[in-house]
Amino acid sequence: MRYKYGFLSAPLYVASPDYEYVYAPNQEIVRFGNTIRTNSYSMRNDPIDPSDTTVVLLVGDSVVNGGSLTDQDSLASTLLEKRLTQALGGRVRVLNISAGSWGPDNVAAYLKKYGLFNADLMCLVASSHDAHDIMGHEPIVGIDPNLPDKQFDWALQELWVRYEWMIEYMWETKVNLDNLLRYIEGSANFAPLPDKDRPTTGIVKNGEGFNPGFMELAEIAQQNNIPFFIFLHPETLEIEQGDYNNQGKEIIQFAQQNDIRLIKELEAGASKAYYRRGDLVHYNSSGQLFLANQLYPLFLNYLSPSH
């Protein structure tokens, strides 16, 4: 369990009074064969350098973050950084500012604390449930087993404490340990339940009112004179239905009313083949590449000298 799956090497979290929680800074671990690195600002990126002159902020939740089931080199942010650097002939940073189950208000609070890192562009990857995914500031780091602040002493202890709730499911379905652990590690990014238990309405968050972070991010971008747009990522149920649900339509309406550019992934070739098995919202590695391919020409257009 330690050497094959990376038990006792879970990515750790730190609490914040501003934006609730985020990956602990300066980590480099291997979990389920995937490397997870964070810099001093808790981004899934290499260190920030004062010489960084072309900077993109790619912000969002676990869709952007990838979690333990996405290797650092497979992240859309990593792929975009390499591709844009080559295309523009100078170092481009695509900063991955994200955490599992963050809403736009978490992102806005983070940027208010740390600034924009001399950004030239900001892209928010949002899903329909972000419309009402509003911060509650409950103390969960080190309490919720999905948000550990220290490693366990024994691998079996970690298995029991973090994943005891899935043991019965394993026996009922006869799923093998490898598939079980990969599924429950996805749950650390707040993935939905297996297909047989998932709600037919998709992911629903119960925050009161429309998430204020959408407007806060738009205002931050406007105040700093940088372009801002939203990439609306569908849940698999929305792909099946061919349209965004009511929460997604609220986000679309917000963008239209405030003249904010919004890219609908449903109109850009969204496919369930890009999602993890049995998961409503998270990309697999092919999905991260798909996201990078969708964002690359947009970013390049904004960053090119002729723009």
C-alpha atoms as a PDB file:
ATOM      1  CA  MET A   1       0.000   0.000   0.000  1.00  0.00           C
ATOM      2  CA  ARG A   2       2.857   2.381   0.737  1.00  0.00           C
ATOM      3  CA  TYR A   3       4.932   1.632  -2.323  1.00  0.00           C
ATOM      4  CA  LYS A   4       2.246   0.805  -4.882  1.00  0.00           C
ATOM      5  CA  TYR A   5      -0.448   3.321  -3.928  1.00  0.00           C
ATOM      6  CA  GLY A   6       1.460   6.018  -2.069  1.00  0.00           C
ATOM      7  CA  PHE A   7      -0.197   5.630   1.309  1.00  0.00           C
ATOM      8  CA  LEU A   8       1.406   7.851   3.974  1.00  0.00           C
ATOM      9  CA  SER A   9       2.100  10.303   1.136  1.00  0.00           C
ATOM     10  CA  ALA A  10      -1.265  12.005   0.774  1.00  0.00           C
ATOM     11  CA  PRO A  11      -1.201  15.627  -0.391  1.00  0.00           C
ATOM     12  CA  LEU A  12      -1.692  17.759   2.715  1.00  0.00           C
ATOM     13  CA  TYR A  13      -3.823  20.862   3.189  1.00  0.00           C
ATOM     14  CA  VAL A  14      -3.610  24.086   5.167  1.00  0.00           C
ATOM     15  CA  ALA A  15      -6.550  26.118   6.431  1.00  0.00           C
ATOM     16  CA  SER A  16      -7.087  29.776   5.576  1.00  0.00           C
ATOM     17  CA  PRO A  17      -9.407  32.334   7.150  1.00  0.00           C
ATOM     18  CA  ASP A  18      -9.655  33.973   3.715  1.00  0.00           C
ATOM     19  CA  TYR A  19     -10.247  31.158   1.225  1.00  0.00           C
ATOM     20  CA  GLU A  20     -10.980  28.181   3.541  1.00  0.00           C
ATOM     21  CA  TYR A  21      -8.217  25.760   2.519  1.00  0.00           C
ATOM     22  CA  VAL A  22      -5.664  24.888  -0.135  1.00  0.00           C
ATOM     23  CA  TYR A  23      -2.877  22.373  -0.729  1.00  0.00           C
ATOM     24  CA  ALA A  24       0.001  22.918   1.680  1.00  0.00           C
ATOM     25  CA  PRO A  25       2.901  24.764   0.012  1.00  0.00           C
ATOM     26  CA  ASN A  26       6.190  23.242  -1.116  1.00  0.00           C
ATOM     27  CA  GLN A  27       5.078  19.623  -1.410  1.00  0.00           C
ATOM     28  CA  GLU A  28       6.443  16.979  -3.763  1.00  0.00           C
ATOM     29  CA  ILE A  29       4.876  13.561  -3.350  1.00  0.00           C
ATOM     30  CA  VAL A  30       3.871  10.544  -5.410  1.00  0.00           C
ATOM     31  CA  ARG A  31       0.352   9.196  -4.931  1.00  0.00           C
ATOM     32  CA  PHE A  32      -1.135   6.413  -7.088  1.00  0.00           C
ATOM     33  CA  GLY A  33       1.893   6.765  -9.332  1.00  0.00           C
ATOM     34  CA  ASN A  34       1.211  10.446  -9.959  1.00  0.00           C
ATOM     35  CA  THR A  35       3.509  13.280  -8.934  1.00  0.00           C
ATOM     36  CA  ILE A  36       1.938  16.195  -7.075  1.00  0.00           C
ATOM     37  CA  ARG A  37       4.072  19.316  -6.615  1.00  0.00           C
ATOM     38  CA  THR A  38       3.160  22.657  -5.091  1.00  0.00           C
ATOM     39  CA  ASN A  39       5.147  25.859  -4.905  1.00  0.00           C
ATOM     40  CA  SER A  40       5.376  28.343  -2.046  1.00  0.00           C
ATOM     41  CA  TYR A  41       1.934  29.738  -2.979  1.00  0.00           C
ATOM     42  CA  SER A  42       0.283  26.276  -2.942  1.00  0.00           C
ATOM     43  CA  MET A  43      -0.119  26.279  -6.746  1.00  0.00           C
ATOM     44  CA  ARG A  44       0.465  23.078  -8.700  1.00  0.00           C
ATOM     45  CA  ASN A  45       3.376  24.813 -10.447  1.00  0.00           C
ATOM     46  CA  ASP A  46       7.093  25.317 -10.321  1.00  0.00           C
ATOM     47  CA  PRO A  47       8.273  28.229  -8.122  1.00  0.00           C
ATOM     48  CA  ILE A  48       7.286  31.775  -9.017  1.00  0.00           C
ATOM     49  CA  ASP A  49      10.212  33.731 -10.436  1.00  0.00           C
ATOM     50  CA  PRO A  50      10.493  37.535 -10.480  1.00  0.00           C
ATOM     51  CA  SER A  51      11.585  37.243 -14.098  1.00  0.00           C
ATOM     52  CA  ASP A  52       8.193  35.802 -15.132  1.00  0.00           C
ATOM     53  CA  THR A  53       6.877  38.394 -17.544  1.00  0.00           C
ATOM     54  CA  THR A  54       4.057  36.567 -19.345  1.00  0.00           C
ATOM     55  CA  VAL A  55       1.581  35.096 -16.882  1.00  0.00           C
ATOM     56  CA  VAL A  56      -1.821  33.444 -17.236  1.00  0.00           C
ATOM     57  CA  LEU A  57      -4.032  32.622 -14.259  1.00  0.00           C
ATOM     58  CA  LEU A  58      -5.941  29.364 -14.754  1.00  0.00           C
ATOM     59  CA  VAL A  59      -8.277  29.249 -11.772  1.00  0.00           C
ATOM     60  CA  GLY A  60     -11.017  26.973 -10.501  1.00  0.00           C
ATOM     61  CA  ASP A  61     -11.713  23.864  -8.464  1.00  0.00           C
ATOM     62  CA  SER A  62     -10.659  20.213  -8.664  1.00  0.00           C
ATOM     63  CA  VAL A  63     -11.306  20.167 -12.424  1.00  0.00           C
ATOM     64  CA  VAL A  64      -8.309  22.492 -12.803  1.00  0.00           C
ATOM     65  CA  ASN A  65      -6.391  21.079  -9.841  1.00  0.00           C
ATOM     66  CA  GLY A  66      -6.559  17.458 -10.980  1.00  0.00           C
ATOM     67  CA  GLY A  67      -5.932  16.031  -7.522  1.00  0.00           C
ATOM     68  CA  SER A  68      -3.963  12.878  -6.837  1.00  0.00           C
ATOM     69  CA  LEU A  69      -5.322  11.102  -9.900  1.00  0.00           C
ATOM     70  CA  THR A  70      -3.634  13.525 -12.304  1.00  0.00           C
ATOM     71  CA  ASP A  71       0.117  13.648 -12.707  1.00  0.00           C
ATOM     72  CA  GLN A  72       1.742  17.071 -12.709  1.00  0.00           C
ATOM     73  CA  ASP A  73       2.865  16.660 -16.312  1.00  0.00           C
ATOM     74  CA  SER A  74      -0.683  15.794 -17.445  1.00  0.00           C
ATOM     75  CA  LEU A  75      -2.347  18.921 -16.071  1.00  0.00           C
ATOM     76  CA  ALA A  76      -3.792  21.342 -18.612  1.00  0.00           C
ATOM     77  CA  SER A  77      -1.815  24.125 -16.911  1.00  0.00           C
ATOM     78  CA  THR A  78       1.470  22.253 -17.410  1.00  0.00           C
ATOM     79  CA  LEU A  79       0.665  21.401 -21.035  1.00  0.00           C
ATOM     80  CA  LEU A  80      -0.334  24.992 -21.797  1.00  0.00           C
ATOM     81  CA  GLU A  81       2.749  26.434 -20.145  1.00  0.00           C
ATOM     82  CA  LYS A  82       5.063  24.308 -22.300  1.00  0.00           C
ATOM     83  CA  ARG A  83       3.152  24.888 -25.522  1.00  0.00           C
ATOM     84  CA  LEU A  84       2.781  28.655 -25.100  1.00  0.00           C
ATOM     85  CA  THR A  85       6.437  29.031 -24.138  1.00  0.00           C
ATOM     86  CA  GLN A  86       7.445  27.324 -27.361  1.00  0.00           C
ATOM     87  CA  ALA A  87       4.984  29.290 -29.502  1.00  0.00           C
ATOM     88  CA  LEU A  88       5.848  32.723 -28.111  1.00  0.00           C
ATOM     89  CA  GLY A  89       9.594  32.194 -27.859  1.00  0.00           C
ATOM     90  CA  GLY A  90       9.823  33.200 -24.209  1.00  0.00           C
ATOM     91  CA  ARG A  91       8.841  31.731 -20.874  1.00  0.00           C
ATOM     92  CA  VAL A  92       5.083  31.729 -20.241  1.00  0.00           C
ATOM     93  CA  ARG A  93       3.642  30.835 -16.853  1.00  0.00           C
ATOM     94  CA  VAL A  94       0.189  29.257 -16.572  1.00  0.00           C
ATOM     95  CA  LEU A  95      -0.461  29.390 -12.853  1.00  0.00           C
ATOM     96  CA  ASN A  96      -2.772  26.704 -11.490  1.00  0.00           C
ATOM     97  CA  ILE A  97      -4.704  28.417  -8.669  1.00  0.00           C
ATOM     98  CA  SER A  98      -7.274  25.888  -7.510  1.00  0.00           C
ATOM     99  CA  ALA A  99      -8.449  23.423  -4.891  1.00  0.00           C
ATOM    100  CA  GLY A 100     -11.085  20.727  -4.654  1.00  0.00           C
ATOM    101  CA  SER A 101     -14.605  22.146  -4.270  1.00  0.00           C
ATOM    102  CA  TRP A 102     -13.461  25.752  -4.461  1.00  0.00           C
ATOM    103  CA  GLY A 103     -16.004  28.182  -5.828  1.00  0.00           C
ATOM    104  CA  PRO A 104     -15.198  31.463  -7.584  1.00  0.00           C
ATOM    105  CA  ASP A 105     -15.379  33.231  -4.207  1.00  0.00           C
ATOM    106  CA  ASN A 106     -12.514  31.063  -2.906  1.00  0.00           C
ATOM    107  CA  VAL A 107     -10.448  32.050  -5.937  1.00  0.00           C
ATOM    108  CA  ALA A 108     -11.266  35.751  -5.503  1.00  0.00           C
ATOM    109  CA  ALA A 109     -10.293  35.612  -1.822  1.00  0.00           C
ATOM    110  CA  TYR A 110      -6.971  33.975  -2.736  1.00  0.00           C
ATOM    111  CA  LEU A 111      -6.189  36.656  -5.320  1.00  0.00           C
ATOM    112  CA  LYS A 112      -7.112  39.438  -2.905  1.00  0.00           C
ATOM    113  CA  LYS A 113      -4.590  38.003  -0.455  1.00  0.00           C
ATOM    114  CA  TYR A 114      -1.697  37.287  -2.819  1.00  0.00           C
ATOM    115  CA  GLY A 115      -2.314  39.507  -5.838  1.00  0.00           C
ATOM    116  CA  LEU A 116      -2.322  38.619  -9.520  1.00  0.00           C
ATOM    117  CA  PHE A 117       1.372  37.734  -9.986  1.00  0.00           C
ATOM    118  CA  ASN A 118       1.691  40.256 -12.849  1.00  0.00           C
ATOM    119  CA  ALA A 119      -0.939  38.363 -14.813  1.00  0.00           C
ATOM    120  CA  ASP A 120      -1.773  39.188 -18.430  1.00  0.00           C
ATOM    121  CA  LEU A 121      -4.936  37.074 -18.570  1.00  0.00           C
ATOM    122  CA  MET A 122      -7.303  35.167 -16.286  1.00  0.00           C
ATOM    123  CA  CYS A 123      -9.486  32.189 -17.155  1.00  0.00           C
ATOM    124  CA  LEU A 124     -11.990  30.691 -14.720  1.00  0.00           C
ATOM    125  CA  VAL A 125     -12.972  27.077 -15.359  1.00  0.00           C
ATOM    126  CA  ALA A 126     -16.398  26.736 -13.744  1.00  0.00           C
ATOM    127  CA  SER A 127     -19.115  24.103 -13.610  1.00  0.00           C
ATOM    128  CA  SER A 128     -22.842  24.614 -13.159  1.00  0.00           C
ATOM    129  CA  HIS A 129     -22.785  23.833  -9.430  1.00  0.00           C
ATOM    130  CA  ASP A 130     -20.387  26.746  -8.890  1.00  0.00           C
ATOM    131  CA  ALA A 131     -23.383  29.069  -9.210  1.00  0.00           C
ATOM    132  CA  HIS A 132     -24.226  28.340  -5.561  1.00  0.00           C
ATOM    133  CA  ASP A 133     -20.980  26.846  -4.212  1.00  0.00           C
ATOM    134  CA  ILE A 134     -20.400  29.590  -1.649  1.00  0.00           C
ATOM    135  CA  MET A 135     -17.802  29.543   1.140  1.00  0.00           C
ATOM    136  CA  GLY A 136     -19.045  28.501   4.551  1.00  0.00           C
ATOM    137  CA  HIS A 137     -15.741  28.677   6.471  1.00  0.00           C
ATOM    138  CA  GLU A 138     -16.452  25.550   8.493  1.00  0.00           C
ATOM    139  CA  PRO A 139     -13.283  24.147  10.136  1.00  0.00           C
ATOM    140  CA  ILE A 140     -12.573  21.055   8.018  1.00  0.00           C
ATOM    141  CA  VAL A 141      -8.787  20.841   7.468  1.00  0.00           C
ATOM    142  CA  GLY A 142      -7.484  18.038   9.660  1.00  0.00           C
ATOM    143  CA  ILE A 143     -11.077  17.095  10.522  1.00  0.00           C
ATOM    144  CA  ASP A 144     -12.477  15.900   7.206  1.00  0.00           C
ATOM    145  CA  PRO A 145     -10.344  12.845   6.270  1.00  0.00           C
ATOM    146  CA  ASN A 146     -10.288  14.116   2.681  1.00  0.00           C
ATOM    147  CA  LEU A 147      -8.395  17.233   3.854  1.00  0.00           C
ATOM    148  CA  PRO A 148      -5.523  15.899   5.981  1.00  0.00           C
ATOM    149  CA  ASP A 149      -3.008  18.250   7.572  1.00  0.00           C
ATOM    150  CA  LYS A 150      -0.548  15.507   8.544  1.00  0.00           C
ATOM    151  CA  GLN A 151       0.352  12.015   7.419  1.00  0.00           C
ATOM    152  CA  PHE A 152      -0.833   8.881   9.175  1.00  0.00           C
ATOM    153  CA  ASP A 153       1.645   6.672  11.036  1.00  0.00           C
ATOM    154  CA  TRP A 154       0.575   3.415   9.392  1.00  0.00           C
ATOM    155  CA  ALA A 155      -0.786   2.627   5.929  1.00  0.00           C
ATOM    156  CA  LEU A 156      -3.556   0.404   7.302  1.00  0.00           C
ATOM    157  CA  GLN A 157      -4.547   3.196   9.661  1.00  0.00           C
ATOM    158  CA  GLU A 158      -4.925   5.555   6.696  1.00  0.00           C
ATOM    159  CA  LEU A 159      -6.954   2.966   4.790  1.00  0.00           C
ATOM    160  CA  TRP A 160      -9.355   2.501   7.705  1.00  0.00           C
ATOM    161  CA  VAL A 161      -9.728   6.125   8.789  1.00  0.00           C
ATOM    162  CA  ARG A 162     -10.042   7.664   5.319  1.00  0.00           C
ATOM    163  CA  TYR A 163     -11.798   4.876   3.457  1.00  0.00           C
ATOM    164  CA  GLU A 164     -13.698   2.750   5.987  1.00  0.00           C
ATOM    165  CA  TRP A 165     -16.963   4.075   4.531  1.00  0.00           C
ATOM    166  CA  MET A 166     -16.147   2.345   1.226  1.00  0.00           C
ATOM    167  CA  ILE A 167     -15.235  -1.100   2.606  1.00  0.00           C
ATOM    168  CA  GLU A 168     -18.866  -2.259   2.572  1.00  0.00           C
ATOM    169  CA  TYR A 169     -19.212  -1.032  -1.008  1.00  0.00           C
ATOM    170  CA  MET A 170     -16.152  -3.066  -1.986  1.00  0.00           C
ATOM    171  CA  TRP A 171     -17.620  -6.268  -0.564  1.00  0.00           C
ATOM    172  CA  GLU A 172     -21.043  -5.642  -2.099  1.00  0.00           C
ATOM    173  CA  THR A 173     -19.737  -4.958  -5.598  1.00  0.00           C
ATOM    174  CA  LYS A 174     -16.672  -7.241  -5.546  1.00  0.00           C
ATOM    175  CA  VAL A 175     -14.627  -4.368  -6.969  1.00  0.00           C
ATOM    176  CA  ASN A 176     -10.887  -4.977  -6.707  1.00  0.00           C
ATOM    177  CA  LEU A 177      -8.715  -2.952  -4.364  1.00  0.00           C
ATOM    178  CA  ASP A 178      -6.943  -1.053  -7.133  1.00  0.00           C
ATOM    179  CA  ASN A 179     -10.196   0.225  -8.664  1.00  0.00           C
ATOM    180  CA  LEU A 180     -11.639   0.964  -5.235  1.00  0.00           C
ATOM    181  CA  LEU A 181      -8.670   3.050  -4.146  1.00  0.00           C
ATOM    182  CA  ARG A 182      -8.634   4.978  -7.390  1.00  0.00           C
ATOM    183  CA  TYR A 183     -12.316   5.763  -6.994  1.00  0.00           C
ATOM    184  CA  ILE A 184     -12.075   6.856  -3.390  1.00  0.00           C
ATOM    185  CA  GLU A 185      -9.004   8.950  -4.072  1.00  0.00           C
ATOM    186  CA  GLY A 186     -11.201  10.791  -6.562  1.00  0.00           C
ATOM    187  CA  SER A 187     -13.599  11.354  -3.697  1.00  0.00           C
ATOM    188  CA  ALA A 188     -10.888  13.402  -2.013  1.00  0.00           C
ATOM    189  CA  ASN A 189     -11.642  15.884  -4.784  1.00  0.00           C
ATOM    190  CA  PHE A 190     -15.311  15.764  -3.819  1.00  0.00           C
ATOM    191  CA  ALA A 191     -16.319  13.398  -6.611  1.00  0.00           C
ATOM    192  CA  PRO A 192     -19.921  12.176  -6.603  1.00  0.00           C
ATOM    193  CA  LEU A 193     -21.018   8.725  -5.487  1.00  0.00           C
ATOM    194  CA  PRO A 194     -20.938   5.690  -7.818  1.00  0.00           C
ATOM    195  CA  ASP A 195     -23.429   5.658 -10.673  1.00  0.00           C
ATOM    196  CA  LYS A 196     -26.053   3.618  -8.843  1.00  0.00           C
ATOM    197  CA  ASP A 197     -26.287   6.220  -6.070  1.00  0.00           C
ATOM    198  CA  ARG A 198     -25.733   9.473  -7.904  1.00  0.00           C
ATOM    199  CA  PRO A 199     -28.551  12.025  -8.080  1.00  0.00           C
ATOM    200  CA  THR A 200     -30.217  12.394 -11.461  1.00  0.00           C
ATOM    201  CA  THR A 201     -30.012  16.168 -11.123  1.00  0.00           C
ATOM    202  CA  GLY A 202     -26.219  16.261 -10.963  1.00  0.00           C
ATOM    203  CA  ILE A 203     -24.152  18.072  -8.347  1.00  0.00           C
ATOM    204  CA  VAL A 204     -26.161  20.552  -6.300  1.00  0.00           C
ATOM    205  CA  LYS A 205     -24.677  23.111  -3.885  1.00  0.00           C
ATOM    206  CA  ASN A 206     -26.940  24.902  -1.465  1.00  0.00           C
ATOM    207  CA  GLY A 207     -25.373  28.326  -1.000  1.00  0.00           C
ATOM    208  CA  GLU A 208     -27.868  31.168  -0.783  1.00  0.00           C
ATOM    209  CA  GLY A 209     -27.846  33.436  -3.809  1.00  0.00           C
ATOM    210  CA  PHE A 210     -25.524  33.560  -6.792  1.00  0.00           C
ATOM    211  CA  ASN A 211     -21.851  33.070  -5.973  1.00  0.00           C
ATOM    212  CA  PRO A 212     -20.385  36.578  -5.487  1.00  0.00           C
ATOM    213  CA  GLY A 213     -16.986  35.381  -6.668  1.00  0.00           C
ATOM    214  CA  PHE A 214     -17.996  35.589 -10.310  1.00  0.00           C
ATOM    215  CA  MET A 215     -18.435  39.348 -10.063  1.00  0.00           C
ATOM    216  CA  GLU A 216     -15.428  39.736  -7.776  1.00  0.00           C
ATOM    217  CA  LEU A 217     -13.166  38.060 -10.326  1.00  0.00           C
ATOM    218  CA  ALA A 218     -14.570  40.201 -13.128  1.00  0.00           C
ATOM    219  CA  GLU A 219     -13.936  43.342 -11.069  1.00  0.00           C
ATOM    220  CA  ILE A 220     -10.406  42.242 -10.109  1.00  0.00           C
ATOM    221  CA  ALA A 221      -9.605  41.707 -13.795  1.00  0.00           C
ATOM    222  CA  GLN A 222     -11.121  45.036 -14.785  1.00  0.00           C
ATOM    223  CA  GLN A 223      -9.257  46.928 -12.053  1.00  0.00           C
ATOM    224  CA  ASN A 224      -5.988  45.397 -13.237  1.00  0.00           C
ATOM    225  CA  ASN A 225      -6.807  45.885 -16.923  1.00  0.00           C
ATOM    226  CA  ILE A 226      -6.475  42.230 -17.920  1.00  0.00           C
ATOM    227  CA  PRO A 227      -8.840  40.082 -20.005  1.00  0.00           C
ATOM    228  CA  PHE A 228     -11.078  37.666 -18.110  1.00  0.00           C
ATOM    229  CA  PHE A 229     -13.250  34.885 -19.451  1.00  0.00           C
ATOM    230  CA  ILE A 230     -15.118  31.837 -18.185  1.00  0.00           C
ATOM    231  CA  PHE A 231     -14.860  28.306 -19.559  1.00  0.00           C
ATOM    232  CA  LEU A 232     -18.079  26.493 -18.592  1.00  0.00           C
ATOM    233  CA  HIS A 233     -17.299  22.824 -18.015  1.00  0.00           C
ATOM    234  CA  PRO A 234     -20.323  20.475 -18.063  1.00  0.00           C
ATOM    235  CA  GLU A 235     -21.133  17.547 -15.843  1.00  0.00           C
ATOM    236  CA  THR A 236     -21.614  14.255 -17.666  1.00  0.00           C
ATOM    237  CA  LEU A 237     -25.377  14.447 -17.129  1.00  0.00           C
ATOM    238  CA  GLU A 238     -25.389  17.757 -19.002  1.00  0.00           C
ATOM    239  CA  ILE A 239     -23.507  16.103 -21.866  1.00  0.00           C
ATOM    240  CA  GLU A 240     -26.168  13.386 -21.962  1.00  0.00           C
ATOM    241  CA  GLN A 241     -28.938  16.005 -21.964  1.00  0.00           C
ATOM    242  CA  GLY A 242     -27.188  18.261 -24.470  1.00  0.00           C
ATOM    243  CA  ASP A 243     -27.712  21.382 -22.377  1.00  0.00           C
ATOM    244  CA  TYR A 244     -26.619  23.018 -19.145  1.00  0.00           C
ATOM    245  CA  ASN A 245     -28.882  22.659 -16.119  1.00  0.00           C
ATOM    246  CA  ASN A 246     -30.584  25.579 -14.387  1.00  0.00           C
ATOM    247  CA  GLN A 247     -27.472  26.396 -12.347  1.00  0.00           C
ATOM    248  CA  GLY A 248     -25.368  26.503 -15.492  1.00  0.00           C
ATOM    249  CA  LYS A 249     -27.905  28.752 -17.157  1.00  0.00           C
ATOM    250  CA  GLU A 250     -27.561  31.173 -14.240  1.00  0.00           C
ATOM    251  CA  ILE A 251     -23.825  31.421 -14.993  1.00  0.00           C
ATOM    252  CA  ILE A 252     -24.527  31.954 -18.693  1.00  0.00           C
ATOM    253  CA  GLN A 253     -27.044  34.680 -17.873  1.00  0.00           C
ATOM    254  CA  PHE A 254     -24.555  36.364 -15.529  1.00  0.00           C
ATOM    255  CA  ALA A 255     -21.894  36.424 -18.265  1.00  0.00           C
ATOM    256  CA  GLN A 256     -24.321  37.830 -20.826  1.00  0.00           C
ATOM    257  CA  GLN A 257     -25.593  40.557 -18.494  1.00  0.00           C
ATOM    258  CA  ASN A 258     -22.066  41.641 -17.570  1.00  0.00           C
ATOM    259  CA  ASP A 259     -20.504  41.348 -21.033  1.00  0.00           C
ATOM    260  CA  ILE A 260     -18.060  38.629 -19.932  1.00  0.00           C
ATOM    261  CA  ARG A 261     -16.786  36.235 -22.560  1.00  0.00           C
ATOM    262  CA  LEU A 262     -17.980  32.694 -21.849  1.00  0.00           C
ATOM    263  CA  ILE A 263     -16.892  29.543 -23.674  1.00  0.00           C
ATOM    264  CA  LYS A 264     -19.409  26.685 -23.521  1.00  0.00           C
ATOM    265  CA  GLU A 265     -17.611  23.360 -23.512  1.00  0.00           C
ATOM    266  CA  LEU A 266     -20.836  21.704 -24.649  1.00  0.00           C
ATOM    267  CA  GLU A 267     -20.373  23.546 -27.951  1.00  0.00           C
ATOM    268  CA  ALA A 268     -16.669  22.695 -28.178  1.00  0.00           C
ATOM    269  CA  GLY A 269     -16.740  18.905 -28.395  1.00  0.00           C
ATOM    270  CA  ALA A 270     -17.418  17.855 -24.805  1.00  0.00           C
ATOM    271  CA  SER A 271     -17.373  14.072 -24.431  1.00  0.00           C
ATOM    272  CA  LYS A 272     -17.801  11.625 -21.558  1.00  0.00           C
ATOM    273  CA  ALA A 273     -14.656   9.911 -22.869  1.00  0.00           C
ATOM    274  CA  TYR A 274     -12.704  12.778 -21.268  1.00  0.00           C
ATOM    275  CA  TYR A 275     -14.043  12.040 -17.768  1.00  0.00           C
ATOM    276  CA  ARG A 276     -12.917   9.594 -15.125  1.00  0.00           C
ATOM    277  CA  ARG A 277     -14.954   6.431 -14.990  1.00  0.00           C
ATOM    278  CA  GLY A 278     -18.052   6.834 -12.818  1.00  0.00           C
ATOM    279  CA  ASP A 279     -17.316  10.515 -12.190  1.00  0.00           C
ATOM    280  CA  LEU A 280     -19.720  13.332 -12.977  1.00  0.00           C
ATOM    281  CA  VAL A 281     -17.255  16.168 -13.416  1.00  0.00           C
ATOM    282  CA  HIS A 282     -13.512  15.382 -13.267  1.00  0.00           C
ATOM    283  CA  TYR A 283     -11.317  15.030 -16.330  1.00  0.00           C
ATOM    284  CA  ASN A 284      -9.048  12.072 -16.932  1.00  0.00           C
ATOM    285  CA  SER A 285      -5.666  12.726 -18.544  1.00  0.00           C
ATOM    286  CA  SER A 286      -7.258  12.841 -22.006  1.00  0.00           C
ATOM    287  CA  GLY A 287      -9.667  15.428 -20.664  1.00  0.00           C
ATOM    288  CA  GLN A 288      -6.850  17.589 -19.342  1.00  0.00           C
ATOM    289  CA  LEU A 289      -5.321  17.483 -22.821  1.00  0.00           C
ATOM    290  CA  PHE A 290      -8.715  18.368 -24.325  1.00  0.00           C
ATOM    291  CA  LEU A 291      -8.977  21.365 -21.983  1.00  0.00           C
ATOM    292  CA  ALA A 292      -5.473  22.473 -22.945  1.00  0.00           C
ATOM    293  CA  ASN A 293      -6.325  22.166 -26.632  1.00  0.00           C
ATOM    294  CA  GLN A 294      -9.455  24.289 -26.178  1.00  0.00           C
ATOM    295  CA  LEU A 295      -7.700  27.017 -24.208  1.00  0.00           C
ATOM    296  CA  TYR A 296      -4.466  27.171 -26.214  1.00  0.00           C
ATOM    297  CA  PRO A 297      -5.731  29.196 -29.219  1.00  0.00           C
ATOM    298  CA  LEU A 298      -7.656  31.532 -26.900  1.00  0.00           C
ATOM    299  CA  PHE A 299      -4.640  32.172 -24.705  1.00  0.00           C
ATOM    300  CA  LEU A 300      -2.356  32.553 -27.714  1.00  0.00           C
ATOM    301  CA  ASN A 301      -4.677  35.120 -29.256  1.00  0.00           C
ATOM    302  CA  TYR A 302      -4.737  37.198 -26.075  1.00  0.00           C
ATOM    303  CA  LEU A 303      -0.974  36.927 -25.507  1.00  0.00           C
ATOM    304  CA  SER A 304       0.254  37.460 -29.065  1.00  0.00           C
ATOM    305  CA  PRO A 305       1.958  40.834 -29.650  1.00  0.00           C
ATOM    306  CA  SER A 306      -0.586  41.809 -32.302  1.00  0.00           C
ATOM    307  CA  HIS A 307      -3.563  41.485 -29.943  1.00  0.00           C
END
